[in-house]
Amino acid sequence: MKIMPCPLNGPRNISEFTYGGEVLDLPAPDCDNATWIDYVYLENNTAGVVREWWYHTATAYWFIAERDTRTDEIFKTYPANEVFKDRVEFTAPQTTSEPKE
């Protein structure tokens, strides 16, 4: 049985978790659509140690794990706020539309 050390819940069976993708730098909110598409849909698929998002399904808890993708060894898990200190506020783009006649 494979165990994942959850920072909130302690060691748990890996079946309780969902992989959420690589931890990537967030693009600027005003970047072009191609940059957002790359951020959302493309992965580096690095062979070696990477930082990844993981989700503990039972408690709805997101955290970060450092894992070797070649061996599947988990080196470290920690709360996301150790990496992401500031909250990012997103606002809907302001549009001006005139009534259609």
C-alpha atoms as a PDB file:
ATOM      1  CA  MET A   1       0.000   0.000   0.000  1.00  0.00           C
ATOM      2  CA  LYS A   2       1.415   3.408  -1.020  1.00  0.00           C
ATOM      3  CA  ILE A   3       1.221   6.146   1.641  1.00  0.00           C
ATOM      4  CA  MET A   4       1.107   9.918   1.091  1.00  0.00           C
ATOM      5  CA  PRO A   5       2.077  12.106   4.068  1.00  0.00           C
ATOM      6  CA  CYS A   6      -0.690  14.737   4.123  1.00  0.00           C
ATOM      7  CA  PRO A   7       0.372  17.953   5.912  1.00  0.00           C
ATOM      8  CA  LEU A   8      -3.114  18.278   7.440  1.00  0.00           C
ATOM      9  CA  ASN A   9      -4.123  14.674   8.122  1.00  0.00           C
ATOM     10  CA  GLY A  10      -0.857  12.761   8.469  1.00  0.00           C
ATOM     11  CA  PRO A  11      -0.005   9.579   6.548  1.00  0.00           C
ATOM     12  CA  ARG A  12      -2.921   8.399   4.395  1.00  0.00           C
ATOM     13  CA  ASN A  13      -3.498   5.816   1.674  1.00  0.00           C
ATOM     14  CA  ILE A  14      -2.644   7.269  -1.758  1.00  0.00           C
ATOM     15  CA  SER A  15      -6.143   6.343  -2.972  1.00  0.00           C
ATOM     16  CA  GLU A  16      -7.498   9.262  -0.893  1.00  0.00           C
ATOM     17  CA  PHE A  17      -5.660  11.813  -3.076  1.00  0.00           C
ATOM     18  CA  THR A  18      -6.059  13.341  -6.507  1.00  0.00           C
ATOM     19  CA  TYR A  19      -3.149  14.682  -8.545  1.00  0.00           C
ATOM     20  CA  GLY A  20      -3.633  18.348  -9.462  1.00  0.00           C
ATOM     21  CA  GLY A  21      -0.735  19.073 -11.817  1.00  0.00           C
ATOM     22  CA  GLU A  22       2.627  20.751 -11.581  1.00  0.00           C
ATOM     23  CA  VAL A  23       3.114  23.864  -9.476  1.00  0.00           C
ATOM     24  CA  LEU A  24       3.720  26.615 -12.011  1.00  0.00           C
ATOM     25  CA  ASP A  25       4.255  30.350 -11.748  1.00  0.00           C
ATOM     26  CA  LEU A  26       0.976  32.163 -12.251  1.00  0.00           C
ATOM     27  CA  PRO A  27       0.983  34.322 -15.384  1.00  0.00           C
ATOM     28  CA  ALA A  28       0.092  37.990 -15.171  1.00  0.00           C
ATOM     29  CA  PRO A  29      -3.693  38.489 -15.033  1.00  0.00           C
ATOM     30  CA  ASP A  30      -3.557  40.662 -18.150  1.00  0.00           C
ATOM     31  CA  CYS A  31      -1.552  38.194 -20.284  1.00  0.00           C
ATOM     32  CA  ASP A  32      -2.766  37.049 -23.689  1.00  0.00           C
ATOM     33  CA  ASN A  33      -5.024  34.034 -24.220  1.00  0.00           C
ATOM     34  CA  ALA A  34      -2.194  31.823 -25.524  1.00  0.00           C
ATOM     35  CA  THR A  35      -0.283  32.265 -22.268  1.00  0.00           C
ATOM     36  CA  TRP A  36      -3.352  31.314 -20.192  1.00  0.00           C
ATOM     37  CA  ILE A  37      -4.003  28.294 -22.406  1.00  0.00           C
ATOM     38  CA  ASP A  38      -0.412  27.103 -21.911  1.00  0.00           C
ATOM     39  CA  TYR A  39      -0.702  27.620 -18.138  1.00  0.00           C
ATOM     40  CA  VAL A  40      -3.973  25.723 -17.808  1.00  0.00           C
ATOM     41  CA  TYR A  41      -3.498  22.849 -20.266  1.00  0.00           C
ATOM     42  CA  LEU A  42       0.219  22.189 -20.844  1.00  0.00           C
ATOM     43  CA  GLU A  43       2.635  20.460 -18.483  1.00  0.00           C
ATOM     44  CA  ASN A  44       6.406  20.254 -18.580  1.00  0.00           C
ATOM     45  CA  ASN A  45       6.260  16.520 -17.806  1.00  0.00           C
ATOM     46  CA  THR A  46       9.693  16.723 -16.178  1.00  0.00           C
ATOM     47  CA  ALA A  47      11.551  13.512 -15.398  1.00  0.00           C
ATOM     48  CA  GLY A  48      12.908  14.043 -11.904  1.00  0.00           C
ATOM     49  CA  VAL A  49      11.890  15.901  -8.762  1.00  0.00           C
ATOM     50  CA  VAL A  50       8.959  18.268  -9.302  1.00  0.00           C
ATOM     51  CA  ARG A  51       6.577  20.262  -7.136  1.00  0.00           C
ATOM     52  CA  GLU A  52       2.986  19.158  -7.639  1.00  0.00           C
ATOM     53  CA  TRP A  53      -0.487  20.057  -6.439  1.00  0.00           C
ATOM     54  CA  TRP A  54      -2.267  17.274  -4.561  1.00  0.00           C
ATOM     55  CA  TYR A  55      -5.815  17.202  -3.176  1.00  0.00           C
ATOM     56  CA  HIS A  56      -6.959  15.171  -0.178  1.00  0.00           C
ATOM     57  CA  THR A  57     -10.464  14.251  -1.289  1.00  0.00           C
ATOM     58  CA  ALA A  58     -11.946  13.453   2.128  1.00  0.00           C
ATOM     59  CA  THR A  59     -11.110  16.882   3.595  1.00  0.00           C
ATOM     60  CA  ALA A  60     -10.995  19.023   0.408  1.00  0.00           C
ATOM     61  CA  TYR A  61      -7.445  20.064   1.297  1.00  0.00           C
ATOM     62  CA  TRP A  62      -4.975  21.227  -1.383  1.00  0.00           C
ATOM     63  CA  PHE A  63      -1.251  21.024  -0.675  1.00  0.00           C
ATOM     64  CA  ILE A  64       2.104  20.719  -2.446  1.00  0.00           C
ATOM     65  CA  ALA A  65       4.261  17.614  -2.718  1.00  0.00           C
ATOM     66  CA  GLU A  66       7.808  17.256  -3.984  1.00  0.00           C
ATOM     67  CA  ARG A  67       7.962  13.949  -5.845  1.00  0.00           C
ATOM     68  CA  ASP A  68      10.404  12.191  -8.149  1.00  0.00           C
ATOM     69  CA  THR A  69       8.414  11.319 -11.268  1.00  0.00           C
ATOM     70  CA  ARG A  70      10.923   8.600 -12.225  1.00  0.00           C
ATOM     71  CA  THR A  71      10.676   6.617  -8.991  1.00  0.00           C
ATOM     72  CA  ASP A  72       7.357   7.968  -7.594  1.00  0.00           C
ATOM     73  CA  GLU A  73       9.167   8.695  -4.303  1.00  0.00           C
ATOM     74  CA  ILE A  74       7.582  11.499  -2.271  1.00  0.00           C
ATOM     75  CA  PHE A  75      10.239  13.612  -0.558  1.00  0.00           C
ATOM     76  CA  LYS A  76       8.191  16.304   1.128  1.00  0.00           C
ATOM     77  CA  THR A  77       4.635  17.610   1.476  1.00  0.00           C
ATOM     78  CA  TYR A  78       3.652  21.011   2.824  1.00  0.00           C
ATOM     79  CA  PRO A  79       0.799  23.537   2.911  1.00  0.00           C
ATOM     80  CA  ALA A  80       0.514  25.755  -0.173  1.00  0.00           C
ATOM     81  CA  ASN A  81       0.847  28.906   1.945  1.00  0.00           C
ATOM     82  CA  GLU A  82       4.526  28.075   2.450  1.00  0.00           C
ATOM     83  CA  VAL A  83       5.017  28.910  -1.245  1.00  0.00           C
ATOM     84  CA  PHE A  84       2.127  31.260  -1.990  1.00  0.00           C
ATOM     85  CA  LYS A  85       2.207  34.010   0.641  1.00  0.00           C
ATOM     86  CA  ASP A  86       0.010  36.603  -1.089  1.00  0.00           C
ATOM     87  CA  ARG A  87      -3.583  36.275  -2.162  1.00  0.00           C
ATOM     88  CA  VAL A  88      -4.203  37.053  -5.837  1.00  0.00           C
ATOM     89  CA  GLU A  89      -7.382  38.945  -6.568  1.00  0.00           C
ATOM     90  CA  PHE A  90      -8.951  38.498  -9.978  1.00  0.00           C
ATOM     91  CA  THR A  91     -11.539  40.866 -11.323  1.00  0.00           C
ATOM     92  CA  ALA A  92     -13.713  40.493 -14.352  1.00  0.00           C
ATOM     93  CA  PRO A  93     -12.556  42.598 -17.288  1.00  0.00           C
ATOM     94  CA  GLN A  94     -14.420  45.854 -17.605  1.00  0.00           C
ATOM     95  CA  THR A  95     -16.429  45.982 -20.800  1.00  0.00           C
ATOM     96  CA  THR A  96     -18.373  48.821 -22.196  1.00  0.00           C
ATOM     97  CA  SER A  97     -21.277  47.874 -24.309  1.00  0.00           C
ATOM     98  CA  GLU A  98     -23.767  50.168 -25.798  1.00  0.00           C
ATOM     99  CA  PRO A  99     -27.360  49.077 -26.181  1.00  0.00           C
ATOM    100  CA  LYS A 100     -28.104  47.499 -29.541  1.00  0.00           C
ATOM    101  CA  GLU A 101     -30.716  49.195 -31.623  1.00  0.00           C
END
